[in-house]
Amino acid sequence: MTSTRLRPLAEDDLVERTLRYRQEGGDELGARFFDAAIAALDAIGRMPGAGSPRAGELCEIPGLRMRRIIGIPCSWFYFITVDHIDVVRLLADAQDLPALLSGPEHE
């Protein structure tokens, strides 16, 4: 299994989304979201190449992949490096992905 490393923005996304789900749906929903997000990270570590390169192609960010969280309208965005998975963001489907994924913090 390849180790995953979350960039600060990805960590912030995870915390903010967990809190939002908790506030909107209660502790159980927040915990369910968090568990699903971590399960998706584990899946990325086991099979990094299984994530779709489509978002990276559409945003013109070479090597960027995405993996959806099962049952949640969110995805992890990451790069595969030689020794780890570089996780850059956790974003909702409804967000403006090209705007949020552009910039030097995602290269």
N, C-alpha and C. Protein backbone atom coordinates (compact mmCIF):
# COMPACT_ATOMS: atom_id res chain seq x y z
N MET A 1 0.84 -1.18 0.00
CA MET A 1 0.00 0.00 0.00
C MET A 1 0.89 1.25 0.00
N THR A 2 0.54 2.18 -0.84
CA THR A 2 1.27 3.44 -0.94
C THR A 2 0.74 4.41 0.10
N SER A 3 1.64 5.13 0.77
CA SER A 3 1.19 6.09 1.78
C SER A 3 0.56 7.31 1.11
N THR A 4 -0.44 7.87 1.79
CA THR A 4 -1.08 9.09 1.30
C THR A 4 -0.70 10.24 2.22
N ARG A 5 -0.40 11.37 1.61
CA ARG A 5 -0.06 12.57 2.36
C ARG A 5 -1.00 13.68 1.94
N LEU A 6 -1.73 14.20 2.91
CA LEU A 6 -2.67 15.28 2.63
C LEU A 6 -1.97 16.62 2.75
N ARG A 7 -2.12 17.43 1.73
CA ARG A 7 -1.65 18.80 1.81
C ARG A 7 -2.54 19.56 2.79
N PRO A 8 -2.07 20.70 3.30
CA PRO A 8 -2.89 21.46 4.26
C PRO A 8 -4.30 21.78 3.76
N LEU A 9 -4.45 22.13 2.49
CA LEU A 9 -5.79 22.42 1.97
C LEU A 9 -6.69 21.19 2.01
N ALA A 10 -6.13 20.01 1.73
CA ALA A 10 -6.91 18.77 1.78
C ALA A 10 -7.33 18.46 3.22
N GLU A 11 -6.41 18.68 4.16
CA GLU A 11 -6.77 18.48 5.58
C GLU A 11 -7.87 19.44 5.99
N ASP A 12 -7.74 20.70 5.59
CA ASP A 12 -8.77 21.70 5.91
C ASP A 12 -10.11 21.30 5.30
N ASP A 13 -10.08 20.83 4.04
CA ASP A 13 -11.32 20.39 3.38
C ASP A 13 -11.99 19.27 4.17
N LEU A 14 -11.21 18.30 4.62
CA LEU A 14 -11.76 17.17 5.37
C LEU A 14 -12.41 17.64 6.68
N VAL A 15 -11.72 18.50 7.40
CA VAL A 15 -12.25 19.01 8.67
C VAL A 15 -13.51 19.84 8.42
N GLU A 16 -13.46 20.75 7.46
CA GLU A 16 -14.60 21.63 7.19
C GLU A 16 -15.82 20.85 6.72
N ARG A 17 -15.63 19.88 5.84
CA ARG A 17 -16.75 19.09 5.34
C ARG A 17 -17.34 18.21 6.43
N THR A 18 -16.47 17.64 7.26
CA THR A 18 -16.98 16.82 8.37
C THR A 18 -17.83 17.67 9.31
N LEU A 19 -17.34 18.86 9.64
CA LEU A 19 -18.11 19.75 10.51
C LEU A 19 -19.43 20.18 9.86
N ARG A 20 -19.39 20.45 8.57
CA ARG A 20 -20.61 20.87 7.86
C ARG A 20 -21.65 19.74 7.87
N TYR A 21 -21.22 18.52 7.57
CA TYR A 21 -22.16 17.39 7.60
C TYR A 21 -22.71 17.19 9.01
N ARG A 22 -21.86 17.37 10.00
CA ARG A 22 -22.30 17.25 11.40
C ARG A 22 -23.33 18.30 11.76
N GLN A 23 -23.07 19.54 11.35
CA GLN A 23 -24.00 20.65 11.65
C GLN A 23 -25.33 20.46 10.94
N GLU A 24 -25.28 20.00 9.69
CA GLU A 24 -26.50 19.89 8.89
C GLU A 24 -27.28 18.61 9.18
N GLY A 25 -26.58 17.53 9.55
CA GLY A 25 -27.27 16.25 9.70
C GLY A 25 -27.04 15.53 11.00
N GLY A 26 -26.27 16.12 11.90
CA GLY A 26 -26.03 15.50 13.19
C GLY A 26 -24.72 14.72 13.24
N ASP A 27 -24.41 14.27 14.44
CA ASP A 27 -23.14 13.57 14.67
C ASP A 27 -23.00 12.32 13.82
N GLU A 28 -24.08 11.57 13.67
CA GLU A 28 -24.01 10.32 12.91
C GLU A 28 -23.65 10.58 11.45
N LEU A 29 -24.25 11.59 10.84
CA LEU A 29 -23.93 11.91 9.45
C LEU A 29 -22.49 12.40 9.33
N GLY A 30 -22.04 13.22 10.26
CA GLY A 30 -20.65 13.68 10.24
C GLY A 30 -19.68 12.52 10.33
N ALA A 31 -19.97 11.57 11.22
CA ALA A 31 -19.11 10.39 11.37
C ALA A 31 -19.15 9.52 10.12
N ARG A 32 -20.34 9.37 9.54
CA ARG A 32 -20.46 8.56 8.32
C ARG A 32 -19.66 9.18 7.17
N PHE A 33 -19.75 10.51 7.04
CA PHE A 33 -18.96 11.20 6.01
C PHE A 33 -17.47 10.98 6.24
N PHE A 34 -17.02 11.21 7.47
CA PHE A 34 -15.59 11.08 7.77
C PHE A 34 -15.11 9.66 7.47
N ASP A 35 -15.86 8.66 7.91
CA ASP A 35 -15.48 7.27 7.66
C ASP A 35 -15.41 6.96 6.17
N ALA A 36 -16.38 7.47 5.40
CA ALA A 36 -16.38 7.24 3.95
C ALA A 36 -15.19 7.94 3.29
N ALA A 37 -14.86 9.14 3.75
CA ALA A 37 -13.71 9.87 3.19
C ALA A 37 -12.41 9.13 3.46
N ILE A 38 -12.25 8.60 4.67
CA ILE A 38 -11.03 7.86 5.02
C ILE A 38 -10.98 6.54 4.25
N ALA A 39 -12.12 5.89 4.07
CA ALA A 39 -12.16 4.65 3.28
C ALA A 39 -11.72 4.92 1.84
N ALA A 40 -12.14 6.05 1.28
CA ALA A 40 -11.71 6.40 -0.08
C ALA A 40 -10.21 6.66 -0.13
N LEU A 41 -9.66 7.30 0.90
CA LEU A 41 -8.20 7.50 0.95
C LEU A 41 -7.47 6.16 1.00
N ASP A 42 -7.99 5.23 1.80
CA ASP A 42 -7.39 3.90 1.87
C ASP A 42 -7.42 3.22 0.51
N ALA A 43 -8.53 3.35 -0.20
CA ALA A 43 -8.65 2.76 -1.54
C ALA A 43 -7.64 3.39 -2.50
N ILE A 44 -7.43 4.68 -2.38
CA ILE A 44 -6.43 5.35 -3.22
C ILE A 44 -5.04 4.78 -2.93
N GLY A 45 -4.72 4.57 -1.66
CA GLY A 45 -3.43 4.02 -1.29
C GLY A 45 -3.22 2.61 -1.82
N ARG A 46 -4.30 1.83 -1.87
CA ARG A 46 -4.20 0.45 -2.38
C ARG A 46 -4.09 0.40 -3.90
N MET A 47 -4.84 1.28 -4.58
CA MET A 47 -4.87 1.27 -6.05
C MET A 47 -4.86 2.70 -6.58
N PRO A 48 -3.72 3.37 -6.51
CA PRO A 48 -3.66 4.79 -6.90
C PRO A 48 -4.08 5.04 -8.35
N GLY A 49 -3.75 4.13 -9.24
CA GLY A 49 -4.05 4.33 -10.65
C GLY A 49 -5.51 4.18 -11.00
N ALA A 50 -6.33 3.74 -10.05
CA ALA A 50 -7.76 3.54 -10.32
C ALA A 50 -8.53 4.85 -10.37
N GLY A 51 -7.97 5.92 -9.82
CA GLY A 51 -8.64 7.22 -9.87
C GLY A 51 -8.68 7.76 -11.29
N SER A 52 -9.71 8.49 -11.59
CA SER A 52 -9.89 9.02 -12.93
C SER A 52 -8.97 10.21 -13.21
N PRO A 53 -8.34 10.25 -14.39
CA PRO A 53 -7.54 11.40 -14.78
C PRO A 53 -8.36 12.50 -15.47
N ARG A 54 -9.67 12.29 -15.61
CA ARG A 54 -10.51 13.20 -16.39
C ARG A 54 -10.51 14.63 -15.86
N ALA A 55 -10.63 14.81 -14.56
CA ALA A 55 -10.65 16.18 -14.00
C ALA A 55 -9.35 16.89 -14.30
N GLY A 56 -8.23 16.19 -14.19
CA GLY A 56 -6.94 16.78 -14.51
C GLY A 56 -6.86 17.20 -15.97
N GLU A 57 -7.40 16.37 -16.84
CA GLU A 57 -7.41 16.70 -18.27
C GLU A 57 -8.27 17.92 -18.54
N LEU A 58 -9.46 17.96 -17.93
CA LEU A 58 -10.37 19.10 -18.14
C LEU A 58 -9.81 20.39 -17.58
N CYS A 59 -9.10 20.30 -16.46
CA CYS A 59 -8.52 21.49 -15.81
C CYS A 59 -7.11 21.77 -16.31
N GLU A 60 -6.62 20.95 -17.23
CA GLU A 60 -5.27 21.09 -17.79
C GLU A 60 -4.20 21.05 -16.70
N ILE A 61 -4.35 20.06 -15.81
CA ILE A 61 -3.37 19.82 -14.75
C ILE A 61 -2.85 18.41 -14.94
N PRO A 62 -1.71 18.26 -15.60
CA PRO A 62 -1.17 16.94 -15.90
C PRO A 62 -0.95 16.10 -14.64
N GLY A 63 -1.41 14.87 -14.70
CA GLY A 63 -1.18 13.93 -13.61
C GLY A 63 -2.21 13.96 -12.50
N LEU A 64 -3.10 14.96 -12.49
CA LEU A 64 -4.11 15.04 -11.44
C LEU A 64 -5.15 13.95 -11.65
N ARG A 65 -5.46 13.24 -10.57
CA ARG A 65 -6.48 12.19 -10.59
C ARG A 65 -7.53 12.51 -9.54
N MET A 66 -8.69 11.87 -9.67
CA MET A 66 -9.74 12.04 -8.68
C MET A 66 -10.37 10.70 -8.34
N ARG A 67 -10.83 10.60 -7.11
CA ARG A 67 -11.53 9.40 -6.65
C ARG A 67 -12.74 9.85 -5.85
N ARG A 68 -13.92 9.41 -6.30
CA ARG A 68 -15.17 9.76 -5.61
C ARG A 68 -15.27 9.04 -4.28
N ILE A 69 -15.97 9.66 -3.36
CA ILE A 69 -16.29 9.04 -2.09
C ILE A 69 -17.65 8.36 -2.27
N ILE A 70 -17.71 7.07 -2.00
CA ILE A 70 -18.93 6.31 -2.22
C ILE A 70 -20.06 6.87 -1.36
N GLY A 71 -21.17 7.19 -2.01
CA GLY A 71 -22.36 7.65 -1.31
C GLY A 71 -22.36 9.11 -0.91
N ILE A 72 -21.31 9.84 -1.26
CA ILE A 72 -21.17 11.25 -0.88
C ILE A 72 -20.80 12.03 -2.15
N PRO A 73 -21.40 13.20 -2.39
CA PRO A 73 -21.07 13.96 -3.59
C PRO A 73 -19.76 14.76 -3.45
N CYS A 74 -18.68 14.04 -3.15
CA CYS A 74 -17.35 14.65 -2.98
C CYS A 74 -16.31 13.72 -3.58
N SER A 75 -15.16 14.29 -3.90
CA SER A 75 -14.05 13.51 -4.44
C SER A 75 -12.72 14.02 -3.89
N TRP A 76 -11.80 13.08 -3.76
CA TRP A 76 -10.40 13.40 -3.45
C TRP A 76 -9.68 13.68 -4.76
N PHE A 77 -8.78 14.66 -4.75
CA PHE A 77 -7.95 14.99 -5.91
C PHE A 77 -6.50 14.80 -5.51
N TYR A 78 -5.73 14.12 -6.35
CA TYR A 78 -4.38 13.73 -5.94
C TYR A 78 -3.46 13.49 -7.13
N PHE A 79 -2.16 13.44 -6.81
CA PHE A 79 -1.12 13.08 -7.75
C PHE A 79 -0.42 11.82 -7.24
N ILE A 80 0.01 10.99 -8.16
CA ILE A 80 0.81 9.82 -7.80
C ILE A 80 2.27 10.22 -7.95
N THR A 81 3.05 10.08 -6.89
CA THR A 81 4.48 10.36 -6.95
C THR A 81 5.24 9.05 -6.80
N VAL A 82 6.54 9.11 -6.85
CA VAL A 82 7.37 7.91 -6.76
C VAL A 82 7.17 7.18 -5.44
N ASP A 83 7.05 7.92 -4.33
CA ASP A 83 7.03 7.27 -3.02
C ASP A 83 5.76 7.50 -2.19
N HIS A 84 4.79 8.27 -2.71
CA HIS A 84 3.56 8.49 -1.95
C HIS A 84 2.46 9.04 -2.87
N ILE A 85 1.27 9.15 -2.30
CA ILE A 85 0.15 9.79 -2.98
C ILE A 85 0.02 11.19 -2.40
N ASP A 86 0.09 12.20 -3.25
CA ASP A 86 0.04 13.60 -2.86
C ASP A 86 -1.41 14.09 -3.02
N VAL A 87 -2.14 14.14 -1.91
CA VAL A 87 -3.56 14.50 -1.93
C VAL A 87 -3.68 16.02 -1.78
N VAL A 88 -4.27 16.65 -2.81
CA VAL A 88 -4.31 18.11 -2.83
C VAL A 88 -5.61 18.71 -2.33
N ARG A 89 -6.75 18.08 -2.58
CA ARG A 89 -8.04 18.65 -2.17
C ARG A 89 -9.08 17.56 -1.97
N LEU A 90 -10.12 17.91 -1.22
CA LEU A 90 -11.35 17.15 -1.09
C LEU A 90 -12.46 18.13 -1.44
N LEU A 91 -13.08 17.94 -2.60
CA LEU A 91 -14.04 18.92 -3.09
C LEU A 91 -15.39 18.30 -3.38
N ALA A 92 -16.43 19.10 -3.21
CA ALA A 92 -17.79 18.66 -3.52
C ALA A 92 -18.03 18.77 -5.02
N ASP A 93 -18.92 17.94 -5.52
CA ASP A 93 -19.24 17.94 -6.94
C ASP A 93 -19.76 19.29 -7.43
N ALA A 94 -20.45 20.02 -6.58
CA ALA A 94 -21.08 21.28 -6.98
C ALA A 94 -20.10 22.46 -7.01
N GLN A 95 -18.88 22.25 -6.54
CA GLN A 95 -17.93 23.36 -6.51
C GLN A 95 -17.33 23.61 -7.89
N ASP A 96 -16.78 24.80 -8.08
CA ASP A 96 -16.14 25.19 -9.33
C ASP A 96 -14.74 24.57 -9.36
N LEU A 97 -14.65 23.35 -9.88
CA LEU A 97 -13.40 22.61 -9.83
C LEU A 97 -12.25 23.31 -10.54
N PRO A 98 -12.42 23.79 -11.79
CA PRO A 98 -11.29 24.45 -12.44
C PRO A 98 -10.74 25.63 -11.64
N ALA A 99 -11.61 26.42 -11.04
CA ALA A 99 -11.14 27.57 -10.26
C ALA A 99 -10.42 27.12 -9.01
N LEU A 100 -10.95 26.11 -8.34
CA LEU A 100 -10.35 25.66 -7.09
C LEU A 100 -9.07 24.84 -7.28
N LEU A 101 -8.93 24.22 -8.44
CA LEU A 101 -7.77 23.38 -8.69
C LEU A 101 -6.65 24.08 -9.43
N SER A 102 -6.84 25.32 -9.79
CA SER A 102 -5.77 26.06 -10.45
C SER A 102 -4.94 26.79 -9.42
N GLY A 103 -3.73 27.10 -9.79
CA GLY A 103 -2.85 27.83 -8.87
C GLY A 103 -1.67 27.00 -8.44
N PRO A 104 -0.66 27.66 -7.92
CA PRO A 104 0.60 26.99 -7.58
C PRO A 104 0.48 25.96 -6.45
N GLU A 105 -0.51 26.09 -5.56
CA GLU A 105 -0.63 25.12 -4.47
C GLU A 105 -1.06 23.74 -4.95
N HIS A 106 -1.46 23.61 -6.23
CA HIS A 106 -1.88 22.32 -6.77
C HIS A 106 -0.88 21.74 -7.76
N GLU A 107 0.27 22.32 -7.86
CA GLU A 107 1.27 21.83 -8.81
C GLU A 107 2.31 21.01 -8.09
